[in-house]
Amino acid sequence: MAVQSADQLRQGSCKPCEGGVEKMSADEAREQLKQVQGWELSADGTAITKSWTRKHFKDCMAFLNKVADIAEAEQHHPDMHLTGYKKVRIALMTHAIDGLSENDFILAAKIDEVA
């Protein structure tokens, strides 16, 4: 996959993945990661994560609901974590390939837009 800007990613759509798609190498992921600020690559190179501290619990829930709406529209679902009533962490990976695909970066860019 060629590196895409955050704008290009936001304009894209996730493609259904039932496996059979080659996952990104850690080097490819690191290059694409430069376009989605604040996201971090996991040690094993199979996921990206980002954390936010929100004002309060209801703000966290509103944010998570926006993310859920985007994820459902894209049919690409992240792992979402709420801790300490105002800390949110989102992890993205393409479970069907046990690694990263273009879909993860598309969703990251779209999440950043509503964050």
PDB file of N, CA and C in Angstrom:
ATOM      1  N   MET A   1       0.842  -1.177   0.000  1.00  0.00           N
ATOM      2  CA  MET A   1       0.000   0.000   0.000  1.00  0.00           C
ATOM      3  C   MET A   1       0.888   1.241   0.000  1.00  0.00           C
ATOM      4  N   ALA A   2       0.573   2.177  -0.857  1.00  0.00           N
ATOM      5  CA  ALA A   2       1.286   3.449  -0.884  1.00  0.00           C
ATOM      6  C   ALA A   2       0.838   4.293   0.306  1.00  0.00           C
ATOM      7  N   VAL A   3       1.748   5.065   0.865  1.00  0.00           N
ATOM      8  CA  VAL A   3       1.417   5.937   1.987  1.00  0.00           C
ATOM      9  C   VAL A   3       0.388   6.959   1.521  1.00  0.00           C
ATOM     10  N   GLN A   4      -0.651   7.144   2.342  1.00  0.00           N
ATOM     11  CA  GLN A   4      -1.715   8.096   2.040  1.00  0.00           C
ATOM     12  C   GLN A   4      -1.736   9.181   3.108  1.00  0.00           C
ATOM     13  N   SER A   5      -2.124  10.384   2.713  1.00  0.00           N
ATOM     14  CA  SER A   5      -2.266  11.478   3.674  1.00  0.00           C
ATOM     15  C   SER A   5      -3.495  11.223   4.548  1.00  0.00           C
ATOM     16  N   ALA A   6      -3.583  11.961   5.652  1.00  0.00           N
ATOM     17  CA  ALA A   6      -4.755  11.839   6.521  1.00  0.00           C
ATOM     18  C   ALA A   6      -6.027  12.187   5.759  1.00  0.00           C
ATOM     19  N   ASP A   7      -5.966  13.203   4.905  1.00  0.00           N
ATOM     20  CA  ASP A   7      -7.149  13.569   4.109  1.00  0.00           C
ATOM     21  C   ASP A   7      -7.556  12.444   3.168  1.00  0.00           C
ATOM     22  N   GLN A   8      -6.596  11.821   2.511  1.00  0.00           N
ATOM     23  CA  GLN A   8      -6.906  10.704   1.621  1.00  0.00           C
ATOM     24  C   GLN A   8      -7.522   9.549   2.408  1.00  0.00           C
ATOM     25  N   LEU A   9      -6.985   9.281   3.589  1.00  0.00           N
ATOM     26  CA  LEU A   9      -7.524   8.201   4.418  1.00  0.00           C
ATOM     27  C   LEU A   9      -8.964   8.502   4.821  1.00  0.00           C
ATOM     28  N   ARG A  10      -9.236   9.737   5.259  1.00  0.00           N
ATOM     29  CA  ARG A  10     -10.596  10.110   5.688  1.00  0.00           C
ATOM     30  C   ARG A  10     -11.598   9.990   4.544  1.00  0.00           C
ATOM     31  N   GLN A  11     -11.153  10.202   3.324  1.00  0.00           N
ATOM     32  CA  GLN A  11     -12.043  10.110   2.165  1.00  0.00           C
ATOM     33  C   GLN A  11     -12.261   8.669   1.711  1.00  0.00           C
ATOM     34  N   GLY A  12     -11.436   7.756   2.213  1.00  0.00           N
ATOM     35  CA  GLY A  12     -11.553   6.352   1.827  1.00  0.00           C
ATOM     36  C   GLY A  12     -12.650   5.637   2.599  1.00  0.00           C
ATOM     37  N   SER A  13     -12.856   4.403   2.241  1.00  0.00           N
ATOM     38  CA  SER A  13     -13.811   3.538   2.933  1.00  0.00           C
ATOM     39  C   SER A  13     -13.151   2.202   3.203  1.00  0.00           C
ATOM     40  N   CYS A  14     -13.491   1.629   4.337  1.00  0.00           N
ATOM     41  CA  CYS A  14     -12.945   0.320   4.680  1.00  0.00           C
ATOM     42  C   CYS A  14     -13.506  -0.733   3.728  1.00  0.00           C
ATOM     43  N   LYS A  15     -12.659  -1.668   3.370  1.00  0.00           N
ATOM     44  CA  LYS A  15     -13.061  -2.759   2.488  1.00  0.00           C
ATOM     45  C   LYS A  15     -13.264  -4.021   3.328  1.00  0.00           C
ATOM     46  N   PRO A  16     -14.280  -4.797   3.021  1.00  0.00           N
ATOM     47  CA  PRO A  16     -14.494  -6.037   3.782  1.00  0.00           C
ATOM     48  C   PRO A  16     -13.234  -6.905   3.748  1.00  0.00           C
ATOM     49  N   CYS A  17     -12.911  -7.478   4.892  1.00  0.00           N
ATOM     50  CA  CYS A  17     -11.722  -8.336   4.971  1.00  0.00           C
ATOM     51  C   CYS A  17     -12.082  -9.600   5.734  1.00  0.00           C
ATOM     52  N   GLU A  18     -12.070 -10.692   5.045  1.00  0.00           N
ATOM     53  CA  GLU A  18     -12.320 -11.993   5.659  1.00  0.00           C
ATOM     54  C   GLU A  18     -11.055 -12.839   5.640  1.00  0.00           C
ATOM     55  N   GLY A  19      -9.917 -12.181   5.543  1.00  0.00           N
ATOM     56  CA  GLY A  19      -8.650 -12.901   5.430  1.00  0.00           C
ATOM     57  C   GLY A  19      -8.201 -12.912   3.987  1.00  0.00           C
ATOM     58  N   GLY A  20      -7.061 -13.488   3.741  1.00  0.00           N
ATOM     59  CA  GLY A  20      -6.532 -13.563   2.398  1.00  0.00           C
ATOM     60  C   GLY A  20      -5.873 -12.276   1.923  1.00  0.00           C
ATOM     61  N   VAL A  21      -5.897 -11.245   2.754  1.00  0.00           N
ATOM     62  CA  VAL A  21      -5.244  -9.983   2.459  1.00  0.00           C
ATOM     63  C   VAL A  21      -3.924  -9.975   3.218  1.00  0.00           C
ATOM     64  N   GLU A  22      -2.879  -9.535   2.555  1.00  0.00           N
ATOM     65  CA  GLU A  22      -1.587  -9.503   3.229  1.00  0.00           C
ATOM     66  C   GLU A  22      -1.547  -8.353   4.232  1.00  0.00           C
ATOM     67  N   LYS A  23      -1.103  -8.644   5.447  1.00  0.00           N
ATOM     68  CA  LYS A  23      -1.002  -7.584   6.443  1.00  0.00           C
ATOM     69  C   LYS A  23       0.225  -6.727   6.169  1.00  0.00           C
ATOM     70  N   MET A  24       0.180  -5.510   6.669  1.00  0.00           N
ATOM     71  CA  MET A  24       1.292  -4.575   6.508  1.00  0.00           C
ATOM     72  C   MET A  24       2.493  -5.048   7.303  1.00  0.00           C
ATOM     73  N   SER A  25       3.656  -4.781   6.763  1.00  0.00           N
ATOM     74  CA  SER A  25       4.876  -5.020   7.534  1.00  0.00           C
ATOM     75  C   SER A  25       4.995  -3.888   8.564  1.00  0.00           C
ATOM     76  N   ALA A  26       5.819  -4.093   9.562  1.00  0.00           N
ATOM     77  CA  ALA A  26       6.035  -3.057  10.572  1.00  0.00           C
ATOM     78  C   ALA A  26       6.598  -1.794   9.927  1.00  0.00           C
ATOM     79  N   ASP A  27       7.464  -1.937   8.936  1.00  0.00           N
ATOM     80  CA  ASP A  27       8.027  -0.773   8.246  1.00  0.00           C
ATOM     81  C   ASP A  27       6.948  -0.008   7.489  1.00  0.00           C
ATOM     82  N   GLU A  28       6.056  -0.712   6.793  1.00  0.00           N
ATOM     83  CA  GLU A  28       4.949  -0.058   6.086  1.00  0.00           C
ATOM     84  C   GLU A  28       4.044   0.669   7.074  1.00  0.00           C
ATOM     85  N   ALA A  29       3.764   0.022   8.189  1.00  0.00           N
ATOM     86  CA  ALA A  29       2.902   0.624   9.207  1.00  0.00           C
ATOM     87  C   ALA A  29       3.549   1.885   9.788  1.00  0.00           C
ATOM     88  N   ARG A  30       4.841   1.838  10.055  1.00  0.00           N
ATOM     89  CA  ARG A  30       5.543   3.013  10.593  1.00  0.00           C
ATOM     90  C   ARG A  30       5.469   4.195   9.615  1.00  0.00           C
ATOM     91  N   GLU A  31       5.592   3.922   8.331  1.00  0.00           N
ATOM     92  CA  GLU A  31       5.503   4.994   7.340  1.00  0.00           C
ATOM     93  C   GLU A  31       4.096   5.586   7.300  1.00  0.00           C
ATOM     94  N   GLN A  32       3.067   4.741   7.301  1.00  0.00           N
ATOM     95  CA  GLN A  32       1.690   5.234   7.260  1.00  0.00           C
ATOM     96  C   GLN A  32       1.320   5.940   8.557  1.00  0.00           C
ATOM     97  N   LEU A  33       1.888   5.489   9.664  1.00  0.00           N
ATOM     98  CA  LEU A  33       1.612   6.059  10.975  1.00  0.00           C
ATOM     99  C   LEU A  33       1.954   7.545  11.043  1.00  0.00           C
ATOM    100  N   LYS A  34       2.883   7.986  10.239  1.00  0.00           N
ATOM    101  CA  LYS A  34       3.280   9.401  10.227  1.00  0.00           C
ATOM    102  C   LYS A  34       2.127  10.304   9.797  1.00  0.00           C
ATOM    103  N   GLN A  35       1.120   9.741   9.159  1.00  0.00           N
ATOM    104  CA  GLN A  35      -0.007  10.522   8.656  1.00  0.00           C
ATOM    105  C   GLN A  35      -1.174  10.605   9.642  1.00  0.00           C
ATOM    106  N   VAL A  36      -1.139   9.814  10.691  1.00  0.00           N
ATOM    107  CA  VAL A  36      -2.200   9.833  11.711  1.00  0.00           C
ATOM    108  C   VAL A  36      -1.535  10.136  13.050  1.00  0.00           C
ATOM    109  N   GLN A  37      -1.498  11.396  13.377  1.00  0.00           N
ATOM    110  CA  GLN A  37      -0.741  11.890  14.526  1.00  0.00           C
ATOM    111  C   GLN A  37      -1.242  11.312  15.856  1.00  0.00           C
ATOM    112  N   GLY A  38      -0.280  10.911  16.682  1.00  0.00           N
ATOM    113  CA  GLY A  38      -0.593  10.457  18.029  1.00  0.00           C
ATOM    114  C   GLY A  38      -0.872   8.972  18.166  1.00  0.00           C
ATOM    115  N   TRP A  39      -1.037   8.276  17.052  1.00  0.00           N
ATOM    116  CA  TRP A  39      -1.249   6.830  17.101  1.00  0.00           C
ATOM    117  C   TRP A  39       0.104   6.150  17.257  1.00  0.00           C
ATOM    118  N   GLU A  40       0.121   5.049  17.999  1.00  0.00           N
ATOM    119  CA  GLU A  40       1.367   4.333  18.262  1.00  0.00           C
ATOM    120  C   GLU A  40       1.263   2.900  17.771  1.00  0.00           C
ATOM    121  N   LEU A  41       2.356   2.396  17.265  1.00  0.00           N
ATOM    122  CA  LEU A  41       2.438   1.019  16.792  1.00  0.00           C
ATOM    123  C   LEU A  41       2.757   0.106  17.964  1.00  0.00           C
ATOM    124  N   SER A  42       2.037  -0.998  18.063  1.00  0.00           N
ATOM    125  CA  SER A  42       2.312  -1.970  19.125  1.00  0.00           C
ATOM    126  C   SER A  42       3.701  -2.574  18.930  1.00  0.00           C
ATOM    127  N   ALA A  43       4.249  -3.128  19.990  1.00  0.00           N
ATOM    128  CA  ALA A  43       5.593  -3.709  19.951  1.00  0.00           C
ATOM    129  C   ALA A  43       5.712  -4.802  18.894  1.00  0.00           C
ATOM    130  N   ASP A  44       4.640  -5.564  18.698  1.00  0.00           N
ATOM    131  CA  ASP A  44       4.690  -6.654  17.712  1.00  0.00           C
ATOM    132  C   ASP A  44       4.273  -6.211  16.302  1.00  0.00           C
ATOM    133  N   GLY A  45       3.931  -4.920  16.140  1.00  0.00           N
ATOM    134  CA  GLY A  45       3.607  -4.376  14.828  1.00  0.00           C
ATOM    135  C   GLY A  45       2.262  -4.788  14.274  1.00  0.00           C
ATOM    136  N   THR A  46       1.363  -5.305  15.123  1.00  0.00           N
ATOM    137  CA  THR A  46       0.084  -5.803  14.621  1.00  0.00           C
ATOM    138  C   THR A  46      -1.113  -4.899  14.926  1.00  0.00           C
ATOM    139  N   ALA A  47      -0.888  -3.795  15.647  1.00  0.00           N
ATOM    140  CA  ALA A  47      -1.995  -2.917  16.033  1.00  0.00           C
ATOM    141  C   ALA A  47      -1.478  -1.493  16.200  1.00  0.00           C
ATOM    142  N   ILE A  48      -2.416  -0.536  16.127  1.00  0.00           N
ATOM    143  CA  ILE A  48      -2.109   0.837  16.476  1.00  0.00           C
ATOM    144  C   ILE A  48      -3.069   1.268  17.575  1.00  0.00           C
ATOM    145  N   THR A  49      -2.596   2.111  18.474  1.00  0.00           N
ATOM    146  CA  THR A  49      -3.415   2.577  19.592  1.00  0.00           C
ATOM    147  C   THR A  49      -3.244   4.076  19.786  1.00  0.00           C
ATOM    148  N   LYS A  50      -4.265   4.658  20.389  1.00  0.00           N
ATOM    149  CA  LYS A  50      -4.203   6.075  20.760  1.00  0.00           C
ATOM    150  C   LYS A  50      -5.048   6.266  22.002  1.00  0.00           C
ATOM    151  N   SER A  51      -4.612   7.180  22.853  1.00  0.00           N
ATOM    152  CA  SER A  51      -5.322   7.466  24.104  1.00  0.00           C
ATOM    153  C   SER A  51      -5.707   8.934  24.171  1.00  0.00           C
ATOM    154  N   TRP A  52      -6.813   9.190  24.821  1.00  0.00           N
ATOM    155  CA  TRP A  52      -7.301  10.538  25.062  1.00  0.00           C
ATOM    156  C   TRP A  52      -7.729  10.646  26.510  1.00  0.00           C
ATOM    157  N   THR A  53      -7.580  11.825  27.093  1.00  0.00           N
ATOM    158  CA  THR A  53      -8.176  12.145  28.381  1.00  0.00           C
ATOM    159  C   THR A  53      -9.254  13.171  28.099  1.00  0.00           C
ATOM    160  N   ARG A  54     -10.470  12.842  28.481  1.00  0.00           N
ATOM    161  CA  ARG A  54     -11.617  13.708  28.226  1.00  0.00           C
ATOM    162  C   ARG A  54     -11.980  14.450  29.514  1.00  0.00           C
ATOM    163  N   LYS A  55     -12.930  15.382  29.426  1.00  0.00           N
ATOM    164  CA  LYS A  55     -13.303  16.202  30.579  1.00  0.00           C
ATOM    165  C   LYS A  55     -13.970  15.406  31.692  1.00  0.00           C
ATOM    166  N   HIS A  56     -14.863  14.507  31.306  1.00  0.00           N
ATOM    167  CA  HIS A  56     -15.627  13.753  32.291  1.00  0.00           C
ATOM    168  C   HIS A  56     -16.236  12.518  31.632  1.00  0.00           C
ATOM    169  N   PHE A  57     -16.887  11.708  32.420  1.00  0.00           N
ATOM    170  CA  PHE A  57     -17.458  10.441  31.971  1.00  0.00           C
ATOM    171  C   PHE A  57     -18.401  10.613  30.782  1.00  0.00           C
ATOM    172  N   LYS A  58     -19.329  11.567  30.863  1.00  0.00           N
ATOM    173  CA  LYS A  58     -20.302  11.744  29.787  1.00  0.00           C
ATOM    174  C   LYS A  58     -19.618  12.159  28.489  1.00  0.00           C
ATOM    175  N   ASP A  59     -18.556  12.938  28.579  1.00  0.00           N
ATOM    176  CA  ASP A  59     -17.799  13.320  27.389  1.00  0.00           C
ATOM    177  C   ASP A  59     -17.133  12.092  26.774  1.00  0.00           C
ATOM    178  N   CYS A  60     -16.603  11.213  27.620  1.00  0.00           N
ATOM    179  CA  CYS A  60     -16.013   9.964  27.125  1.00  0.00           C
ATOM    180  C   CYS A  60     -17.054   9.132  26.390  1.00  0.00           C
ATOM    181  N   MET A  61     -18.215   9.001  26.996  1.00  0.00           N
ATOM    182  CA  MET A  61     -19.255   8.182  26.395  1.00  0.00           C
ATOM    183  C   MET A  61     -19.740   8.778  25.069  1.00  0.00           C
ATOM    184  N   ALA A  62     -19.862  10.094  25.005  1.00  0.00           N
ATOM    185  CA  ALA A  62     -20.279  10.734  23.752  1.00  0.00           C
ATOM    186  C   ALA A  62     -19.233  10.460  22.660  1.00  0.00           C
ATOM    187  N   PHE A  63     -17.958  10.572  23.019  1.00  0.00           N
ATOM    188  CA  PHE A  63     -16.883  10.297  22.067  1.00  0.00           C
ATOM    189  C   PHE A  63     -16.920   8.841  21.617  1.00  0.00           C
ATOM    190  N   LEU A  64     -17.044   7.929  22.565  1.00  0.00           N
ATOM    191  CA  LEU A  64     -17.090   6.507  22.213  1.00  0.00           C
ATOM    192  C   LEU A  64     -18.291   6.185  21.325  1.00  0.00           C
ATOM    193  N   ASN A  65     -19.402   6.834  21.569  1.00  0.00           N
ATOM    194  CA  ASN A  65     -20.584   6.617  20.712  1.00  0.00           C
ATOM    195  C   ASN A  65     -20.344   7.130  19.296  1.00  0.00           C
ATOM    196  N   LYS A  66     -19.642   8.257  19.156  1.00  0.00           N
ATOM    197  CA  LYS A  66     -19.303   8.754  17.818  1.00  0.00           C
ATOM    198  C   LYS A  66     -18.386   7.757  17.104  1.00  0.00           C
ATOM    199  N   VAL A  67     -17.409   7.238  17.841  1.00  0.00           N
ATOM    200  CA  VAL A  67     -16.498   6.248  17.263  1.00  0.00           C
ATOM    201  C   VAL A  67     -17.276   4.999  16.856  1.00  0.00           C
ATOM    202  N   ALA A  68     -18.204   4.571  17.702  1.00  0.00           N
ATOM    203  CA  ALA A  68     -19.016   3.392  17.385  1.00  0.00           C
ATOM    204  C   ALA A  68     -19.820   3.602  16.105  1.00  0.00           C
ATOM    205  N   ASP A  69     -20.370   4.802  15.922  1.00  0.00           N
ATOM    206  CA  ASP A  69     -21.135   5.098  14.706  1.00  0.00           C
ATOM    207  C   ASP A  69     -20.248   5.019  13.466  1.00  0.00           C
ATOM    208  N   ILE A  70     -19.039   5.583  13.561  1.00  0.00           N
ATOM    209  CA  ILE A  70     -18.101   5.531  12.430  1.00  0.00           C
ATOM    210  C   ILE A  70     -17.710   4.089  12.148  1.00  0.00           C
ATOM    211  N   ALA A  71     -17.369   3.350  13.200  1.00  0.00           N
ATOM    212  CA  ALA A  71     -16.941   1.958  13.043  1.00  0.00           C
ATOM    213  C   ALA A  71     -18.049   1.113  12.412  1.00  0.00           C
ATOM    214  N   GLU A  72     -19.252   1.335  12.835  1.00  0.00           N
ATOM    215  CA  GLU A  72     -20.373   0.573  12.282  1.00  0.00           C
ATOM    216  C   GLU A  72     -20.593   0.929  10.815  1.00  0.00           C
ATOM    217  N   ALA A  73     -20.496   2.211  10.478  1.00  0.00           N
ATOM    218  CA  ALA A  73     -20.653   2.626   9.087  1.00  0.00           C
ATOM    219  C   ALA A  73     -19.562   2.015   8.205  1.00  0.00           C
ATOM    220  N   GLU A  74     -18.358   1.892   8.748  1.00  0.00           N
ATOM    221  CA  GLU A  74     -17.228   1.331   7.993  1.00  0.00           C
ATOM    222  C   GLU A  74     -17.160  -0.199   8.095  1.00  0.00           C
ATOM    223  N   GLN A  75     -17.946  -0.772   8.999  1.00  0.00           N
ATOM    224  CA  GLN A  75     -17.901  -2.212   9.259  1.00  0.00           C
ATOM    225  C   GLN A  75     -16.473  -2.670   9.596  1.00  0.00           C
ATOM    226  N   HIS A  76     -15.825  -1.855  10.417  1.00  0.00           N
ATOM    227  CA  HIS A  76     -14.472  -2.166  10.910  1.00  0.00           C
ATOM    228  C   HIS A  76     -14.454  -1.714  12.366  1.00  0.00           C
ATOM    229  N   HIS A  77     -14.360  -2.660  13.272  1.00  0.00           N
ATOM    230  CA  HIS A  77     -14.649  -2.383  14.672  1.00  0.00           C
ATOM    231  C   HIS A  77     -13.395  -2.423  15.546  1.00  0.00           C
ATOM    232  N   PRO A  78     -13.118  -1.315  16.244  1.00  0.00           N
ATOM    233  CA  PRO A  78     -11.944  -1.240  17.104  1.00  0.00           C
ATOM    234  C   PRO A  78     -12.212  -1.829  18.481  1.00  0.00           C
ATOM    235  N   ASP A  79     -11.137  -2.027  19.216  1.00  0.00           N
ATOM    236  CA  ASP A  79     -11.239  -2.326  20.646  1.00  0.00           C
ATOM    237  C   ASP A  79     -11.235  -0.969  21.349  1.00  0.00           C
ATOM    238  N   MET A  80     -12.254  -0.714  22.171  1.00  0.00           N
ATOM    239  CA  MET A  80     -12.378   0.577  22.856  1.00  0.00           C
ATOM    240  C   MET A  80     -12.367   0.340  24.360  1.00  0.00           C
ATOM    241  N   HIS A  81     -11.587   1.171  25.059  1.00  0.00           N
ATOM    242  CA  HIS A  81     -11.411   0.999  26.499  1.00  0.00           C
ATOM    243  C   HIS A  81     -11.661   2.325  27.212  1.00  0.00           C
ATOM    244  N   LEU A  82     -12.451   2.278  28.275  1.00  0.00           N
ATOM    245  CA  LEU A  82     -12.701   3.428  29.131  1.00  0.00           C
ATOM    246  C   LEU A  82     -12.211   3.069  30.518  1.00  0.00           C
ATOM    247  N   THR A  83     -11.294   3.864  31.045  1.00  0.00           N
ATOM    248  CA  THR A  83     -10.764   3.602  32.390  1.00  0.00           C
ATOM    249  C   THR A  83     -10.712   4.902  33.169  1.00  0.00           C
ATOM    250  N   GLY A  84     -10.808   4.770  34.483  1.00  0.00           N
ATOM    251  CA  GLY A  84     -10.688   5.936  35.339  1.00  0.00           C
ATOM    252  C   GLY A  84     -11.702   7.019  35.030  1.00  0.00           C
ATOM    253  N   TYR A  85     -12.801   6.682  34.476  1.00  0.00           N
ATOM    254  CA  TYR A  85     -13.968   7.493  34.125  1.00  0.00           C
ATOM    255  C   TYR A  85     -13.713   8.598  33.109  1.00  0.00           C
ATOM    256  N   LYS A  86     -12.443   8.889  32.772  1.00  0.00           N
ATOM    257  CA  LYS A  86     -12.228   9.932  31.768  1.00  0.00           C
ATOM    258  C   LYS A  86     -11.037   9.663  30.841  1.00  0.00           C
ATOM    259  N   LYS A  87     -10.597   8.430  30.814  1.00  0.00           N
ATOM    260  CA  LYS A  87      -9.506   8.063  29.919  1.00  0.00           C
ATOM    261  C   LYS A  87     -10.017   7.037  28.897  1.00  0.00           C
ATOM    262  N   VAL A  88      -9.772   7.335  27.639  1.00  0.00           N
ATOM    263  CA  VAL A  88     -10.213   6.474  26.545  1.00  0.00           C
ATOM    264  C   VAL A  88      -8.971   5.997  25.786  1.00  0.00           C
ATOM    265  N   ARG A  89      -8.949   4.709  25.473  1.00  0.00           N
ATOM    266  CA  ARG A  89      -7.901   4.157  24.613  1.00  0.00           C
ATOM    267  C   ARG A  89      -8.582   3.331  23.538  1.00  0.00           C
ATOM    268  N   ILE A  90      -8.136   3.528  22.293  1.00  0.00           N
ATOM    269  CA  ILE A  90      -8.684   2.784  21.162  1.00  0.00           C
ATOM    270  C   ILE A  90      -7.544   2.030  20.492  1.00  0.00           C
ATOM    271  N   ALA A  91      -7.786   0.773  20.220  1.00  0.00           N
ATOM    272  CA  ALA A  91      -6.808  -0.067  19.522  1.00  0.00           C
ATOM    273  C   ALA A  91      -7.435  -0.548  18.218  1.00  0.00           C
ATOM    274  N   LEU A  92      -6.649  -0.457  17.148  1.00  0.00           N
ATOM    275  CA  LEU A  92      -7.107  -0.880  15.825  1.00  0.00           C
ATOM    276  C   LEU A  92      -6.196  -1.964  15.275  1.00  0.00           C
ATOM    277  N   MET A  93      -6.811  -2.988  14.741  1.00  0.00           N
ATOM    278  CA  MET A  93      -6.121  -4.030  13.986  1.00  0.00           C
ATOM    279  C   MET A  93      -7.163  -4.735  13.139  1.00  0.00           C
ATOM    280  N   THR A  94      -6.724  -5.389  12.107  1.00  0.00           N
ATOM    281  CA  THR A  94      -7.640  -6.169  11.280  1.00  0.00           C
ATOM    282  C   THR A  94      -7.560  -7.604  11.787  1.00  0.00           C
ATOM    283  N   HIS A  95      -8.565  -7.980  12.563  1.00  0.00           N
ATOM    284  CA  HIS A  95      -8.538  -9.274  13.244  1.00  0.00           C
ATOM    285  C   HIS A  95      -8.429 -10.456  12.281  1.00  0.00           C
ATOM    286  N   ALA A  96      -9.051 -10.341  11.113  1.00  0.00           N
ATOM    287  CA  ALA A  96      -9.059 -11.464  10.167  1.00  0.00           C
ATOM    288  C   ALA A  96      -7.664 -11.814   9.662  1.00  0.00           C
ATOM    289  N   ILE A  97      -6.736 -10.846   9.718  1.00  0.00           N
ATOM    290  CA  ILE A  97      -5.369 -11.121   9.261  1.00  0.00           C
ATOM    291  C   ILE A  97      -4.358 -11.014  10.401  1.00  0.00           C
ATOM    292  N   ASP A  98      -4.869 -10.777  11.615  1.00  0.00           N
ATOM    293  CA  ASP A  98      -4.013 -10.670  12.801  1.00  0.00           C
ATOM    294  C   ASP A  98      -2.902  -9.643  12.589  1.00  0.00           C
ATOM    295  N   GLY A  99      -3.287  -8.500  12.030  1.00  0.00           N
ATOM    296  CA  GLY A  99      -2.317  -7.452  11.770  1.00  0.00           C
ATOM    297  C   GLY A  99      -2.995  -6.211  11.248  1.00  0.00           C
ATOM    298  N   LEU A 100      -2.205  -5.326  10.673  1.00  0.00           N
ATOM    299  CA  LEU A 100      -2.707  -4.052  10.184  1.00  0.00           C
ATOM    300  C   LEU A 100      -2.978  -4.066   8.686  1.00  0.00           C
ATOM    301  N   SER A 101      -4.036  -3.365   8.309  1.00  0.00           N
ATOM    302  CA  SER A 101      -4.377  -3.166   6.902  1.00  0.00           C
ATOM    303  C   SER A 101      -4.715  -1.694   6.701  1.00  0.00           C
ATOM    304  N   GLU A 102      -4.957  -1.317   5.480  1.00  0.00           N
ATOM    305  CA  GLU A 102      -5.366   0.050   5.159  1.00  0.00           C
ATOM    306  C   GLU A 102      -6.590   0.459   5.982  1.00  0.00           C
ATOM    307  N   ASN A 103      -7.502  -0.472   6.222  1.00  0.00           N
ATOM    308  CA  ASN A 103      -8.717  -0.183   6.984  1.00  0.00           C
ATOM    309  C   ASN A 103      -8.413   0.455   8.335  1.00  0.00           C
ATOM    310  N   ASP A 104      -7.370  -0.012   9.002  1.00  0.00           N
ATOM    311  CA  ASP A 104      -7.046   0.495  10.335  1.00  0.00           C
ATOM    312  C   ASP A 104      -6.653   1.966  10.279  1.00  0.00           C
ATOM    313  N   PHE A 105      -5.944   2.352   9.247  1.00  0.00           N
ATOM    314  CA  PHE A 105      -5.517   3.739   9.115  1.00  0.00           C
ATOM    315  C   PHE A 105      -6.653   4.636   8.636  1.00  0.00           C
ATOM    316  N   ILE A 106      -7.542   4.100   7.815  1.00  0.00           N
ATOM    317  CA  ILE A 106      -8.742   4.842   7.423  1.00  0.00           C
ATOM    318  C   ILE A 106      -9.563   5.154   8.671  1.00  0.00           C
ATOM    319  N   LEU A 107      -9.787   4.150   9.498  1.00  0.00           N
ATOM    320  CA  LEU A 107     -10.586   4.352  10.699  1.00  0.00           C
ATOM    321  C   LEU A 107      -9.880   5.289  11.676  1.00  0.00           C
ATOM    322  N   ALA A 108      -8.564   5.165  11.815  1.00  0.00           N
ATOM    323  CA  ALA A 108      -7.818   6.068  12.702  1.00  0.00           C
ATOM    324  C   ALA A 108      -8.003   7.520  12.271  1.00  0.00           C
ATOM    325  N   ALA A 109      -7.890   7.789  10.973  1.00  0.00           N
ATOM    326  CA  ALA A 109      -8.050   9.155  10.470  1.00  0.00           C
ATOM    327  C   ALA A 109      -9.468   9.673  10.717  1.00  0.00           C
ATOM    328  N   LYS A 110     -10.455   8.816  10.545  1.00  0.00           N
ATOM    329  CA  LYS A 110     -11.837   9.226  10.766  1.00  0.00           C
ATOM    330  C   LYS A 110     -12.123   9.454  12.256  1.00  0.00           C
ATOM    331  N   ILE A 111     -11.512   8.645  13.111  1.00  0.00           N
ATOM    332  CA  ILE A 111     -11.662   8.846  14.564  1.00  0.00           C
ATOM    333  C   ILE A 111     -11.036  10.176  14.962  1.00  0.00           C
ATOM    334  N   ASP A 112      -9.852  10.474  14.433  1.00  0.00           N
ATOM    335  CA  ASP A 112      -9.190  11.736  14.753  1.00  0.00           C
ATOM    336  C   ASP A 112     -10.053  12.936  14.382  1.00  0.00           C
ATOM    337  N   GLU A 113     -10.809  12.797  13.323  1.00  0.00           N
ATOM    338  CA  GLU A 113     -11.660  13.903  12.868  1.00  0.00           C
ATOM    339  C   GLU A 113     -12.746  14.237  13.896  1.00  0.00           C
ATOM    340  N   VAL A 114     -13.249  13.249  14.625  1.00  0.00           N
ATOM    341  CA  VAL A 114     -14.301  13.508  15.623  1.00  0.00           C
ATOM    342  C   VAL A 114     -13.741  13.682  17.035  1.00  0.00           C
ATOM    343  N   ALA A 115     -12.479  13.384  17.215  1.00  0.00           N
ATOM    344  CA  ALA A 115     -11.882  13.504  18.553  1.00  0.00           C
ATOM    345  C   ALA A 115     -11.748  14.954  18.924  1.00  0.00           C
TER     346      ALA A 115
END
